Amino acid sequence: MDWARERYTATAADAAWPSSHPQYGPVLAPAGLWAGRLLWASTETAAAFGGYLEGALEAAVVAADTVSATR
């Protein structure tokens, strides 16, 4: 299934190619109930290479280091 063509999950803008690679980076830390309990770790949260496998690996290392430091 091509989700970009599925009428319930996409818009016409989803079919257009982006004009450039999106800018990704660290997300704001959660507040309230989730503060200190929720950790984002995905390619989109990487400081460099967001959207690529290298970004996912970087995010994984950062997440693992963060978890290790809090134990």
N, C-alpha and C. Protein backbone atom coordinates (compact mmCIF):
# COMPACT_ATOMS: atom_id res chain seq x y z
N MET A 1 0.83 -1.18 0.00
CA MET A 1 0.00 0.00 0.00
C MET A 1 0.88 1.24 0.00
N ASP A 2 0.53 2.19 -0.81
CA ASP A 2 1.24 3.47 -0.86
C ASP A 2 0.45 4.47 -0.02
N TRP A 3 0.95 4.73 1.19
CA TRP A 3 0.24 5.61 2.12
C TRP A 3 0.08 7.02 1.59
N ALA A 4 0.96 7.46 0.70
CA ALA A 4 0.86 8.80 0.14
C ALA A 4 -0.31 8.92 -0.84
N ARG A 5 -0.85 7.79 -1.24
CA ARG A 5 -1.99 7.81 -2.15
C ARG A 5 -3.29 7.38 -1.47
N GLU A 6 -3.22 7.00 -0.23
CA GLU A 6 -4.39 6.58 0.54
C GLU A 6 -5.17 7.82 0.98
N ARG A 7 -6.42 7.90 0.62
CA ARG A 7 -7.18 9.13 0.85
C ARG A 7 -7.42 9.44 2.32
N TYR A 8 -7.36 8.46 3.20
CA TYR A 8 -7.60 8.71 4.62
C TYR A 8 -6.33 9.02 5.41
N THR A 9 -5.17 8.88 4.80
CA THR A 9 -3.92 9.12 5.52
C THR A 9 -3.03 10.17 4.88
N ALA A 10 -3.44 10.73 3.74
CA ALA A 10 -2.56 11.66 3.03
C ALA A 10 -3.37 12.78 2.38
N THR A 11 -2.66 13.82 2.02
CA THR A 11 -3.25 14.93 1.27
C THR A 11 -2.53 15.04 -0.06
N ALA A 12 -2.98 15.94 -0.91
CA ALA A 12 -2.33 16.14 -2.20
C ALA A 12 -0.87 16.57 -2.02
N ALA A 13 -0.58 17.30 -0.95
CA ALA A 13 0.79 17.76 -0.70
C ALA A 13 1.74 16.60 -0.42
N ASP A 14 1.21 15.47 0.07
CA ASP A 14 2.07 14.31 0.35
C ASP A 14 2.64 13.69 -0.93
N ALA A 15 1.99 13.91 -2.06
CA ALA A 15 2.47 13.34 -3.32
C ALA A 15 3.61 14.16 -3.92
N ALA A 16 3.79 15.39 -3.47
CA ALA A 16 4.84 16.26 -4.02
C ALA A 16 6.19 15.95 -3.36
N TRP A 17 7.23 15.97 -4.15
CA TRP A 17 8.57 15.76 -3.62
C TRP A 17 9.00 17.00 -2.84
N PRO A 18 9.72 16.83 -1.72
CA PRO A 18 10.20 17.99 -0.98
C PRO A 18 11.26 18.75 -1.80
N SER A 19 11.32 20.04 -1.60
CA SER A 19 12.30 20.84 -2.33
C SER A 19 13.70 20.73 -1.73
N SER A 20 13.78 20.26 -0.49
CA SER A 20 15.08 20.06 0.17
C SER A 20 14.91 19.03 1.27
N HIS A 21 16.03 18.59 1.83
CA HIS A 21 15.97 17.62 2.92
C HIS A 21 15.50 18.35 4.19
N PRO A 22 14.56 17.77 4.94
CA PRO A 22 14.07 18.44 6.15
C PRO A 22 15.17 18.65 7.18
N GLN A 23 15.03 19.69 7.96
CA GLN A 23 15.95 19.95 9.06
C GLN A 23 15.42 19.26 10.31
N TYR A 24 16.20 18.37 10.87
CA TYR A 24 15.82 17.66 12.08
C TYR A 24 16.71 18.13 13.21
N GLY A 25 16.44 17.66 14.41
CA GLY A 25 17.30 17.98 15.54
C GLY A 25 16.63 17.61 16.84
N PRO A 26 17.28 17.92 17.94
CA PRO A 26 16.75 17.56 19.24
C PRO A 26 15.33 18.11 19.46
N VAL A 27 14.52 17.31 20.12
CA VAL A 27 13.15 17.73 20.44
C VAL A 27 13.12 18.31 21.85
N LEU A 28 12.10 19.07 22.14
CA LEU A 28 11.95 19.63 23.48
C LEU A 28 11.71 18.50 24.48
N ALA A 29 12.31 18.61 25.62
CA ALA A 29 12.13 17.60 26.65
C ALA A 29 10.69 17.63 27.15
N PRO A 30 10.10 16.47 27.36
CA PRO A 30 8.72 16.45 27.86
C PRO A 30 8.63 17.03 29.27
N ALA A 31 7.50 17.62 29.57
CA ALA A 31 7.28 18.21 30.89
C ALA A 31 6.17 17.46 31.61
N GLY A 32 5.95 17.84 32.82
CA GLY A 32 4.86 17.24 33.60
C GLY A 32 5.12 15.78 33.93
N LEU A 33 4.11 14.97 33.77
CA LEU A 33 4.17 13.56 34.14
C LEU A 33 5.32 12.82 33.46
N TRP A 34 5.63 13.18 32.21
CA TRP A 34 6.65 12.44 31.45
C TRP A 34 8.06 12.97 31.64
N ALA A 35 8.26 14.05 32.34
CA ALA A 35 9.60 14.61 32.53
C ALA A 35 10.52 13.56 33.17
N GLY A 36 11.62 13.30 32.51
CA GLY A 36 12.59 12.33 33.02
C GLY A 36 12.19 10.88 32.79
N ARG A 37 11.03 10.63 32.18
CA ARG A 37 10.56 9.26 31.96
C ARG A 37 10.45 8.90 30.49
N LEU A 38 10.42 9.89 29.63
CA LEU A 38 10.24 9.65 28.21
C LEU A 38 11.47 10.14 27.47
N LEU A 39 12.03 9.28 26.64
CA LEU A 39 13.24 9.60 25.89
C LEU A 39 12.97 9.36 24.41
N TRP A 40 13.17 10.38 23.59
CA TRP A 40 13.00 10.24 22.15
C TRP A 40 14.30 9.75 21.55
N ALA A 41 14.23 8.73 20.71
CA ALA A 41 15.42 8.20 20.06
C ALA A 41 15.03 7.74 18.66
N SER A 42 15.20 8.61 17.69
CA SER A 42 14.91 8.27 16.30
C SER A 42 15.79 9.11 15.40
N THR A 43 15.85 8.77 14.15
CA THR A 43 16.70 9.51 13.23
C THR A 43 16.34 10.99 13.19
N GLU A 44 15.07 11.30 13.42
CA GLU A 44 14.64 12.70 13.39
C GLU A 44 15.16 13.52 14.57
N THR A 45 15.64 12.88 15.62
CA THR A 45 16.15 13.59 16.79
C THR A 45 17.67 13.76 16.77
N ALA A 46 18.31 13.22 15.76
CA ALA A 46 19.77 13.31 15.67
C ALA A 46 20.22 14.73 15.37
N ALA A 47 21.34 15.11 15.96
CA ALA A 47 21.89 16.45 15.72
C ALA A 47 22.43 16.57 14.30
N ALA A 48 22.87 15.46 13.73
CA ALA A 48 23.37 15.45 12.35
C ALA A 48 22.81 14.21 11.64
N PHE A 49 22.71 14.28 10.36
CA PHE A 49 22.26 13.16 9.53
C PHE A 49 20.82 12.72 9.81
N GLY A 50 19.97 13.66 10.22
CA GLY A 50 18.56 13.33 10.44
C GLY A 50 17.92 12.79 9.18
N GLY A 51 17.12 11.74 9.33
CA GLY A 51 16.45 11.14 8.19
C GLY A 51 17.27 10.05 7.51
N TYR A 52 18.48 9.84 7.98
CA TYR A 52 19.35 8.80 7.41
C TYR A 52 19.70 7.77 8.49
N LEU A 53 20.18 6.61 8.05
CA LEU A 53 20.56 5.56 8.98
C LEU A 53 21.61 6.06 9.97
N GLU A 54 22.55 6.86 9.50
CA GLU A 54 23.59 7.39 10.40
C GLU A 54 22.97 8.22 11.52
N GLY A 55 21.91 8.96 11.21
CA GLY A 55 21.21 9.73 12.24
C GLY A 55 20.54 8.83 13.25
N ALA A 56 19.97 7.72 12.79
CA ALA A 56 19.35 6.76 13.71
C ALA A 56 20.39 6.15 14.64
N LEU A 57 21.56 5.83 14.10
CA LEU A 57 22.63 5.28 14.94
C LEU A 57 23.11 6.30 15.95
N GLU A 58 23.25 7.55 15.52
CA GLU A 58 23.66 8.61 16.44
C GLU A 58 22.64 8.77 17.56
N ALA A 59 21.36 8.78 17.22
CA ALA A 59 20.31 8.92 18.22
C ALA A 59 20.30 7.75 19.19
N ALA A 60 20.57 6.56 18.70
CA ALA A 60 20.62 5.38 19.55
C ALA A 60 21.75 5.47 20.57
N VAL A 61 22.90 5.95 20.13
CA VAL A 61 24.05 6.11 21.04
C VAL A 61 23.73 7.15 22.11
N VAL A 62 23.14 8.28 21.69
CA VAL A 62 22.78 9.33 22.65
C VAL A 62 21.76 8.79 23.67
N ALA A 63 20.77 8.06 23.19
CA ALA A 63 19.75 7.50 24.09
C ALA A 63 20.37 6.50 25.05
N ALA A 64 21.22 5.62 24.55
CA ALA A 64 21.86 4.63 25.41
C ALA A 64 22.75 5.31 26.46
N ASP A 65 23.49 6.33 26.06
CA ASP A 65 24.33 7.07 27.00
C ASP A 65 23.47 7.76 28.07
N THR A 66 22.34 8.31 27.65
CA THR A 66 21.43 8.99 28.59
C THR A 66 20.87 8.02 29.62
N VAL A 67 20.43 6.86 29.15
CA VAL A 67 19.88 5.85 30.05
C VAL A 67 20.96 5.33 30.99
N SER A 68 22.15 5.10 30.47
CA SER A 68 23.25 4.60 31.31
C SER A 68 23.64 5.60 32.38
N ALA A 69 23.57 6.88 32.05
CA ALA A 69 23.96 7.93 33.00
C ALA A 69 22.93 8.09 34.11
N THR A 70 21.71 7.66 33.89
CA THR A 70 20.67 7.84 34.90
C THR A 70 20.50 6.61 35.79
N ARG A 71 21.26 5.58 35.57
CA ARG A 71 21.13 4.35 36.37
C ARG A 71 22.20 4.27 37.42
